[in-house]
């Protein structure tokens, strides 16, 4: 499984619906930084995970997003939904089995049909996702609204 090894105690569920970060952003367990500080635009322009800088940042959907360059920040500002990860940056494999795992390995990613998908680790990516990504993505898209709505209600009640 793509999110294998994620213990129940290490799961954090939250979001507000939809199938992209525009509807909820995984900021992990501490702080309020999306993708653990990695630059979302670099996945597309450089084809790799690149750490961003807190000096080049932008708030979007309540989270702080870091960028490696001003050009990347500006690209994100003009088209955030294009660059933001699917499922709010939660593990794609976990989402496909109804788990919004906040555990994330920013270097475990794939871009499919112009969309960024993140995972909790590289284990299983080639066997479980690359061989046939469509069913994993479809399951995630089907589960995300229900998982996100449930967790949004829990977060709202806690406030």
N, C-alpha and C. Protein backbone atom coordinates (compact mmCIF):
# COMPACT_ATOMS: atom_id res chain seq x y z
N UNK A 1 0.85 -1.17 0.00
CA UNK A 1 0.00 0.00 0.00
C UNK A 1 0.89 1.23 0.00
N UNK A 2 0.45 2.30 -0.61
CA UNK A 2 1.28 3.49 -0.79
C UNK A 2 1.58 4.22 0.50
N UNK A 3 0.73 4.14 1.48
CA UNK A 3 0.97 4.81 2.76
C UNK A 3 1.21 3.77 3.84
N UNK A 4 1.82 2.67 3.48
CA UNK A 4 2.08 1.60 4.43
C UNK A 4 2.95 2.11 5.56
N UNK A 5 2.72 1.58 6.73
CA UNK A 5 3.53 1.95 7.87
C UNK A 5 3.05 3.18 8.61
N UNK A 6 1.98 3.77 8.17
CA UNK A 6 1.45 4.94 8.86
C UNK A 6 0.57 4.42 9.99
N UNK A 7 1.03 4.57 11.20
CA UNK A 7 0.27 4.09 12.34
C UNK A 7 -0.95 4.94 12.58
N UNK A 8 -1.96 4.34 13.17
CA UNK A 8 -3.20 5.09 13.42
C UNK A 8 -2.94 6.32 14.27
N UNK A 9 -2.03 6.22 15.22
CA UNK A 9 -1.74 7.37 16.07
C UNK A 9 -1.08 8.50 15.32
N UNK A 10 -0.52 8.20 14.17
CA UNK A 10 0.17 9.25 13.42
C UNK A 10 -0.68 9.87 12.34
N UNK A 11 -1.96 9.52 12.31
CA UNK A 11 -2.84 10.08 11.29
C UNK A 11 -3.43 11.38 11.76
N UNK A 12 -3.49 12.33 10.87
CA UNK A 12 -4.16 13.59 11.15
C UNK A 12 -5.08 13.86 9.99
N UNK A 13 -6.34 14.01 10.27
CA UNK A 13 -7.32 14.19 9.21
C UNK A 13 -7.88 15.59 9.28
N UNK A 14 -7.87 16.29 8.16
CA UNK A 14 -8.59 17.54 8.07
C UNK A 14 -8.69 18.02 6.66
N UNK A 15 -9.59 18.96 6.38
CA UNK A 15 -9.80 19.51 5.06
C UNK A 15 -11.19 20.08 4.97
N UNK A 16 -11.55 20.59 3.81
CA UNK A 16 -12.87 21.17 3.66
C UNK A 16 -13.56 20.76 2.38
N UNK A 17 -13.15 19.67 1.74
CA UNK A 17 -13.85 19.19 0.55
C UNK A 17 -13.08 19.40 -0.73
N UNK A 18 -13.56 18.83 -1.83
CA UNK A 18 -12.92 19.00 -3.12
C UNK A 18 -11.77 18.05 -3.33
N UNK A 19 -11.05 18.23 -4.43
CA UNK A 19 -9.97 17.30 -4.72
C UNK A 19 -8.65 18.00 -4.97
N UNK A 20 -8.51 19.20 -4.49
CA UNK A 20 -7.23 19.89 -4.63
C UNK A 20 -7.01 20.77 -3.41
N UNK A 21 -5.82 21.33 -3.30
CA UNK A 21 -5.47 22.12 -2.13
C UNK A 21 -6.36 23.32 -1.95
N UNK A 22 -7.05 23.74 -3.00
CA UNK A 22 -7.95 24.86 -2.88
C UNK A 22 -9.08 24.62 -1.89
N UNK A 23 -9.22 23.38 -1.44
CA UNK A 23 -10.29 23.06 -0.52
C UNK A 23 -9.80 22.58 0.83
N UNK A 24 -8.54 22.62 1.11
CA UNK A 24 -7.98 22.17 2.37
C UNK A 24 -6.50 21.91 2.18
N UNK A 25 -5.70 22.29 3.15
CA UNK A 25 -4.25 22.20 2.97
C UNK A 25 -3.63 21.44 4.12
N UNK A 26 -2.85 20.42 3.82
CA UNK A 26 -2.09 19.66 4.80
C UNK A 26 -0.90 20.50 5.23
N UNK A 27 -0.89 20.90 6.49
CA UNK A 27 0.26 21.63 7.02
C UNK A 27 0.98 20.81 8.08
N UNK A 28 0.75 19.51 8.07
CA UNK A 28 1.44 18.63 8.99
C UNK A 28 0.96 18.79 10.42
N UNK A 29 1.80 18.40 11.36
CA UNK A 29 1.42 18.39 12.76
C UNK A 29 1.73 19.71 13.46
N UNK A 30 2.74 20.42 13.00
CA UNK A 30 3.16 21.64 13.67
C UNK A 30 3.35 22.74 12.64
N UNK A 31 3.10 23.95 13.03
CA UNK A 31 3.29 25.07 12.12
C UNK A 31 2.14 25.16 11.15
N UNK A 32 2.31 25.98 10.18
CA UNK A 32 1.24 26.21 9.22
C UNK A 32 1.82 26.31 7.82
N UNK A 33 2.83 25.49 7.53
CA UNK A 33 3.53 25.54 6.25
C UNK A 33 3.11 24.36 5.38
N UNK A 34 2.68 24.66 4.17
CA UNK A 34 2.27 23.62 3.22
C UNK A 34 3.48 22.87 2.67
N UNK A 35 3.30 21.62 2.38
CA UNK A 35 4.30 20.72 1.77
C UNK A 35 5.64 20.76 2.51
N UNK A 36 5.57 20.93 3.82
CA UNK A 36 6.78 20.96 4.66
C UNK A 36 7.81 21.97 4.16
N UNK A 37 7.35 23.01 3.50
CA UNK A 37 8.24 24.07 3.02
C UNK A 37 8.78 23.89 1.63
N UNK A 38 8.35 22.85 0.94
CA UNK A 38 8.82 22.64 -0.44
C UNK A 38 8.03 23.53 -1.40
N UNK A 39 8.67 23.88 -2.49
CA UNK A 39 8.12 24.78 -3.50
C UNK A 39 7.18 24.01 -4.43
N UNK A 40 5.88 24.30 -4.43
CA UNK A 40 4.96 23.55 -5.29
C UNK A 40 5.19 23.77 -6.78
N UNK A 41 5.68 24.92 -7.16
CA UNK A 41 5.90 25.22 -8.58
C UNK A 41 7.10 24.44 -9.11
N UNK A 42 8.10 24.22 -8.28
CA UNK A 42 9.32 23.51 -8.71
C UNK A 42 9.03 22.09 -9.19
N UNK A 43 8.02 21.46 -8.63
CA UNK A 43 7.67 20.11 -9.10
C UNK A 43 7.39 20.14 -10.61
N UNK A 44 6.76 21.20 -11.06
CA UNK A 44 6.39 21.32 -12.47
C UNK A 44 7.54 21.88 -13.32
N UNK A 45 8.22 22.90 -12.84
CA UNK A 45 9.24 23.56 -13.65
C UNK A 45 10.58 22.83 -13.62
N UNK A 46 10.91 22.22 -12.49
CA UNK A 46 12.21 21.55 -12.34
C UNK A 46 12.09 20.03 -12.36
N UNK A 47 10.88 19.51 -12.22
CA UNK A 47 10.68 18.07 -12.20
C UNK A 47 11.22 17.39 -10.97
N UNK A 48 11.39 18.17 -9.89
CA UNK A 48 11.90 17.58 -8.65
C UNK A 48 11.41 18.39 -7.46
N UNK A 49 11.53 17.79 -6.29
CA UNK A 49 11.17 18.47 -5.05
C UNK A 49 12.30 19.44 -4.70
N UNK A 50 11.95 20.69 -4.46
CA UNK A 50 12.92 21.73 -4.13
C UNK A 50 12.44 22.48 -2.91
N UNK A 51 13.30 22.59 -1.92
CA UNK A 51 12.94 23.32 -0.71
C UNK A 51 12.75 24.80 -1.04
N UNK A 52 11.69 25.38 -0.51
CA UNK A 52 11.44 26.80 -0.67
C UNK A 52 12.08 27.58 0.47
N UNK A 53 11.89 28.88 0.45
CA UNK A 53 12.47 29.76 1.46
C UNK A 53 11.37 30.52 2.19
N UNK A 54 11.47 30.61 3.51
CA UNK A 54 10.49 31.41 4.24
C UNK A 54 10.54 32.89 3.84
N UNK A 55 11.65 33.30 3.24
CA UNK A 55 11.78 34.69 2.79
C UNK A 55 11.00 34.95 1.51
N UNK A 56 10.65 33.87 0.79
CA UNK A 56 9.85 33.99 -0.44
C UNK A 56 8.60 33.14 -0.22
N UNK A 57 7.62 33.72 0.39
CA UNK A 57 6.44 32.95 0.78
C UNK A 57 5.16 33.69 0.42
N UNK A 58 4.07 32.95 0.56
CA UNK A 58 2.75 33.51 0.26
C UNK A 58 1.71 32.75 1.07
N UNK A 59 0.78 33.46 1.66
CA UNK A 59 -0.34 32.84 2.36
C UNK A 59 -1.42 32.51 1.35
N UNK A 60 -1.95 31.32 1.44
CA UNK A 60 -3.08 30.91 0.59
C UNK A 60 -3.86 29.85 1.33
N UNK A 61 -5.13 30.03 1.43
CA UNK A 61 -6.03 29.11 2.13
C UNK A 61 -5.60 28.86 3.57
N UNK A 62 -5.09 29.88 4.22
CA UNK A 62 -4.71 29.77 5.62
C UNK A 62 -3.36 29.13 5.86
N UNK A 63 -2.70 28.67 4.83
CA UNK A 63 -1.38 28.05 4.97
C UNK A 63 -0.32 28.96 4.36
N UNK A 64 0.91 28.80 4.81
CA UNK A 64 2.03 29.52 4.22
C UNK A 64 2.74 28.59 3.25
N UNK A 65 2.95 29.07 2.05
CA UNK A 65 3.61 28.31 0.99
C UNK A 65 4.97 28.95 0.74
N UNK A 66 6.02 28.13 0.70
CA UNK A 66 7.38 28.61 0.44
C UNK A 66 7.75 28.36 -1.02
N UNK A 67 8.62 29.22 -1.54
CA UNK A 67 9.05 29.12 -2.93
C UNK A 67 10.56 29.29 -3.02
N UNK A 68 11.15 28.67 -4.04
CA UNK A 68 12.59 28.76 -4.26
C UNK A 68 12.98 30.05 -4.96
N UNK A 69 12.03 30.70 -5.61
CA UNK A 69 12.33 31.95 -6.32
C UNK A 69 11.09 32.84 -6.35
N UNK A 70 11.33 34.10 -6.60
CA UNK A 70 10.24 35.06 -6.75
C UNK A 70 9.39 34.68 -7.95
N UNK A 71 10.02 34.19 -9.01
CA UNK A 71 9.28 33.78 -10.21
C UNK A 71 8.30 32.65 -9.89
N UNK A 72 8.74 31.70 -9.07
CA UNK A 72 7.85 30.60 -8.69
C UNK A 72 6.69 31.13 -7.84
N UNK A 73 7.00 32.01 -6.91
CA UNK A 73 5.93 32.59 -6.09
C UNK A 73 4.91 33.31 -6.97
N UNK A 74 5.40 34.10 -7.90
CA UNK A 74 4.50 34.85 -8.78
C UNK A 74 3.64 33.93 -9.64
N UNK A 75 4.24 32.83 -10.11
CA UNK A 75 3.47 31.85 -10.90
C UNK A 75 2.37 31.24 -10.05
N UNK A 76 2.70 30.91 -8.81
CA UNK A 76 1.71 30.33 -7.90
C UNK A 76 0.59 31.33 -7.61
N UNK A 77 0.96 32.57 -7.35
CA UNK A 77 -0.05 33.60 -7.05
C UNK A 77 -1.04 33.75 -8.20
N UNK A 78 -0.54 33.66 -9.43
CA UNK A 78 -1.45 33.84 -10.56
C UNK A 78 -2.28 32.60 -10.87
N UNK A 79 -1.82 31.40 -10.48
CA UNK A 79 -2.56 30.15 -10.74
C UNK A 79 -2.36 29.13 -9.61
N UNK A 80 -2.81 29.43 -8.41
CA UNK A 80 -2.53 28.51 -7.30
C UNK A 80 -3.11 27.11 -7.48
N UNK A 81 -4.29 27.00 -8.03
CA UNK A 81 -4.91 25.68 -8.19
C UNK A 81 -4.13 24.82 -9.18
N UNK A 82 -3.49 25.44 -10.14
CA UNK A 82 -2.67 24.70 -11.11
C UNK A 82 -1.49 24.02 -10.42
N UNK A 83 -0.89 24.69 -9.44
CA UNK A 83 0.33 24.19 -8.81
C UNK A 83 0.11 23.47 -7.48
N UNK A 84 -0.99 23.73 -6.82
CA UNK A 84 -1.23 23.12 -5.52
C UNK A 84 -1.45 21.62 -5.67
N UNK A 85 -0.97 20.84 -4.70
CA UNK A 85 -1.15 19.39 -4.79
C UNK A 85 -2.61 18.97 -4.64
N UNK A 86 -2.93 17.85 -5.24
CA UNK A 86 -4.26 17.27 -5.13
C UNK A 86 -4.49 16.79 -3.70
N UNK A 87 -5.74 16.66 -3.32
CA UNK A 87 -6.14 16.17 -2.00
C UNK A 87 -5.51 17.00 -0.89
N UNK A 88 -5.32 18.29 -1.15
CA UNK A 88 -4.80 19.19 -0.14
C UNK A 88 -3.38 18.91 0.28
N UNK A 89 -2.67 18.09 -0.48
CA UNK A 89 -1.30 17.74 -0.12
C UNK A 89 -1.22 16.55 0.83
N UNK A 90 -2.33 15.87 1.05
CA UNK A 90 -2.30 14.64 1.84
C UNK A 90 -1.84 13.51 0.94
N UNK A 91 -1.39 12.41 1.55
CA UNK A 91 -0.91 11.25 0.81
C UNK A 91 -2.00 10.72 -0.12
N UNK A 92 -1.68 10.64 -1.40
CA UNK A 92 -2.64 10.16 -2.40
C UNK A 92 -3.04 8.72 -2.14
N UNK A 93 -2.08 7.89 -1.78
CA UNK A 93 -2.38 6.49 -1.49
C UNK A 93 -3.30 6.36 -0.29
N UNK A 94 -3.04 7.13 0.75
CA UNK A 94 -3.90 7.11 1.93
C UNK A 94 -5.30 7.58 1.62
N UNK A 95 -5.38 8.64 0.82
CA UNK A 95 -6.70 9.17 0.48
C UNK A 95 -7.52 8.13 -0.27
N UNK A 96 -6.86 7.30 -1.06
CA UNK A 96 -7.59 6.29 -1.83
C UNK A 96 -8.19 5.20 -0.94
N UNK A 97 -7.75 5.15 0.33
CA UNK A 97 -8.32 4.20 1.29
C UNK A 97 -8.93 4.94 2.49
N UNK A 98 -9.40 6.16 2.24
CA UNK A 98 -10.14 6.97 3.22
C UNK A 98 -9.30 7.46 4.38
N UNK A 99 -8.00 7.62 4.21
CA UNK A 99 -7.14 8.13 5.27
C UNK A 99 -6.42 9.37 4.80
N UNK A 100 -6.65 10.49 5.47
CA UNK A 100 -5.96 11.73 5.14
C UNK A 100 -4.71 11.81 6.00
N UNK A 101 -3.66 11.12 5.57
CA UNK A 101 -2.42 11.06 6.33
C UNK A 101 -1.62 12.34 6.17
N UNK A 102 -1.33 13.00 7.31
CA UNK A 102 -0.52 14.21 7.28
C UNK A 102 0.95 13.87 7.09
N UNK A 103 1.33 12.60 7.30
CA UNK A 103 2.71 12.20 7.03
C UNK A 103 2.97 12.40 5.56
N UNK A 104 4.10 13.00 5.25
CA UNK A 104 4.38 13.35 3.88
C UNK A 104 5.87 13.29 3.61
N UNK A 105 6.24 12.74 2.48
CA UNK A 105 7.61 12.80 1.98
C UNK A 105 7.55 13.64 0.72
N UNK A 106 7.91 14.92 0.79
CA UNK A 106 7.77 15.80 -0.38
C UNK A 106 8.54 15.32 -1.61
N UNK A 107 9.49 14.41 -1.40
CA UNK A 107 10.24 13.89 -2.55
C UNK A 107 9.54 12.69 -3.19
N UNK A 108 8.47 12.23 -2.57
CA UNK A 108 7.67 11.14 -3.13
C UNK A 108 6.47 11.77 -3.81
N UNK A 109 6.58 11.96 -5.10
CA UNK A 109 5.52 12.66 -5.84
C UNK A 109 5.43 12.15 -7.26
N UNK A 110 4.31 12.44 -7.86
CA UNK A 110 4.11 12.17 -9.28
C UNK A 110 3.25 13.30 -9.84
N UNK A 111 3.48 13.62 -11.11
CA UNK A 111 2.61 14.55 -11.83
C UNK A 111 1.90 13.73 -12.89
N UNK A 112 0.59 13.71 -12.82
CA UNK A 112 -0.24 12.95 -13.75
C UNK A 112 -1.28 13.90 -14.34
N UNK A 113 -1.30 13.97 -15.65
CA UNK A 113 -2.25 14.86 -16.34
C UNK A 113 -2.20 16.29 -15.82
N UNK A 114 -0.98 16.76 -15.56
CA UNK A 114 -0.79 18.14 -15.12
C UNK A 114 -1.17 18.41 -13.67
N UNK A 115 -1.35 17.35 -12.88
CA UNK A 115 -1.72 17.51 -11.48
C UNK A 115 -0.67 16.86 -10.59
N UNK A 116 -0.39 17.53 -9.47
CA UNK A 116 0.63 17.06 -8.52
C UNK A 116 0.00 16.17 -7.46
N UNK A 117 0.56 14.97 -7.32
CA UNK A 117 0.12 14.02 -6.30
C UNK A 117 1.30 13.74 -5.38
N UNK A 118 1.07 13.86 -4.08
CA UNK A 118 2.11 13.63 -3.08
C UNK A 118 1.82 12.34 -2.32
N UNK A 119 2.89 11.77 -1.75
CA UNK A 119 2.79 10.49 -1.05
C UNK A 119 3.59 10.55 0.25
N UNK A 120 3.32 9.62 1.15
CA UNK A 120 4.03 9.58 2.43
C UNK A 120 5.40 8.93 2.30
N UNK A 121 5.66 8.26 1.21
CA UNK A 121 6.96 7.64 1.00
C UNK A 121 7.07 7.10 -0.41
N UNK A 122 8.29 6.73 -0.79
CA UNK A 122 8.52 6.24 -2.15
C UNK A 122 8.19 4.75 -2.29
N UNK A 123 8.11 4.06 -1.16
CA UNK A 123 7.82 2.63 -1.20
C UNK A 123 6.46 2.37 -1.84
N UNK A 124 6.44 1.54 -2.83
CA UNK A 124 5.20 1.16 -3.49
C UNK A 124 4.78 2.06 -4.64
N UNK A 125 5.48 3.17 -4.83
CA UNK A 125 5.08 4.08 -5.90
C UNK A 125 5.13 3.41 -7.27
N UNK A 126 6.23 2.75 -7.57
CA UNK A 126 6.37 2.13 -8.89
C UNK A 126 5.39 0.98 -9.07
N UNK A 127 5.28 0.12 -8.05
CA UNK A 127 4.42 -1.05 -8.17
C UNK A 127 2.94 -0.69 -8.07
N UNK A 128 2.60 0.14 -7.10
CA UNK A 128 1.19 0.40 -6.80
C UNK A 128 0.59 1.58 -7.55
N UNK A 129 1.39 2.58 -7.86
CA UNK A 129 0.82 3.77 -8.49
C UNK A 129 1.23 3.89 -9.95
N UNK A 130 2.51 3.84 -10.22
CA UNK A 130 2.98 4.06 -11.59
C UNK A 130 2.41 3.05 -12.58
N UNK A 131 2.24 1.82 -12.14
CA UNK A 131 1.74 0.79 -13.04
C UNK A 131 0.32 1.11 -13.52
N UNK A 132 -0.47 1.74 -12.68
CA UNK A 132 -1.85 2.06 -13.05
C UNK A 132 -2.40 3.14 -12.11
N UNK A 133 -2.05 4.40 -12.35
CA UNK A 133 -2.47 5.47 -11.43
C UNK A 133 -3.96 5.79 -11.44
N UNK A 134 -4.64 5.52 -12.54
CA UNK A 134 -6.04 5.94 -12.67
C UNK A 134 -6.94 5.44 -11.55
N UNK A 135 -6.90 4.15 -11.16
CA UNK A 135 -7.80 3.71 -10.10
C UNK A 135 -7.47 4.33 -8.74
N UNK A 136 -6.19 4.54 -8.47
CA UNK A 136 -5.79 5.16 -7.20
C UNK A 136 -6.31 6.59 -7.14
N UNK A 137 -6.13 7.32 -8.23
CA UNK A 137 -6.61 8.70 -8.29
C UNK A 137 -8.13 8.74 -8.20
N UNK A 138 -8.80 7.86 -8.91
CA UNK A 138 -10.27 7.83 -8.89
C UNK A 138 -10.79 7.53 -7.48
N UNK A 139 -10.16 6.58 -6.79
CA UNK A 139 -10.58 6.27 -5.42
C UNK A 139 -10.36 7.47 -4.51
N UNK A 140 -9.21 8.13 -4.67
CA UNK A 140 -8.94 9.32 -3.87
C UNK A 140 -9.94 10.42 -4.12
N UNK A 141 -10.27 10.63 -5.39
CA UNK A 141 -11.25 11.67 -5.74
C UNK A 141 -12.63 11.33 -5.18
N UNK A 142 -12.96 10.05 -5.15
CA UNK A 142 -14.25 9.63 -4.61
C UNK A 142 -14.30 9.79 -3.08
N UNK A 143 -13.20 9.52 -2.41
CA UNK A 143 -13.17 9.55 -0.94
C UNK A 143 -12.93 10.94 -0.36
N UNK A 144 -12.19 11.79 -1.06
CA UNK A 144 -11.76 13.08 -0.52
C UNK A 144 -12.91 13.94 0.00
N UNK A 145 -13.99 14.13 -0.71
CA UNK A 145 -15.06 14.99 -0.18
C UNK A 145 -15.62 14.51 1.16
N UNK A 146 -15.86 13.21 1.30
CA UNK A 146 -16.42 12.68 2.54
C UNK A 146 -15.42 12.77 3.69
N UNK A 147 -14.18 12.38 3.43
CA UNK A 147 -13.15 12.45 4.47
C UNK A 147 -12.95 13.90 4.89
N UNK A 148 -12.84 14.78 3.93
CA UNK A 148 -12.59 16.19 4.23
C UNK A 148 -13.76 16.81 4.98
N UNK A 149 -14.98 16.52 4.58
CA UNK A 149 -16.15 17.08 5.26
C UNK A 149 -16.22 16.63 6.71
N UNK A 150 -15.96 15.35 6.94
CA UNK A 150 -15.98 14.80 8.30
C UNK A 150 -14.94 15.49 9.16
N UNK A 151 -13.76 15.64 8.64
CA UNK A 151 -12.69 16.25 9.41
C UNK A 151 -12.88 17.75 9.58
N UNK A 152 -13.46 18.40 8.59
CA UNK A 152 -13.75 19.83 8.73
C UNK A 152 -14.73 20.04 9.88
N UNK A 153 -15.74 19.18 9.97
CA UNK A 153 -16.71 19.28 11.06
C UNK A 153 -16.02 19.11 12.41
N UNK A 154 -15.09 18.16 12.49
CA UNK A 154 -14.36 17.93 13.74
C UNK A 154 -13.51 19.15 14.10
N UNK A 155 -12.87 19.75 13.11
CA UNK A 155 -12.05 20.94 13.37
C UNK A 155 -12.92 22.11 13.78
N UNK A 156 -14.07 22.27 13.13
CA UNK A 156 -14.97 23.38 13.46
C UNK A 156 -15.50 23.23 14.88
N UNK A 157 -15.83 22.00 15.27
CA UNK A 157 -16.34 21.75 16.62
C UNK A 157 -15.28 22.03 17.68
N UNK A 158 -14.01 21.79 17.33
CA UNK A 158 -12.91 22.01 18.28
C UNK A 158 -12.63 23.49 18.49
N UNK A 159 -13.05 24.32 17.56
CA UNK A 159 -12.79 25.76 17.68
C UNK A 159 -13.91 26.39 18.40
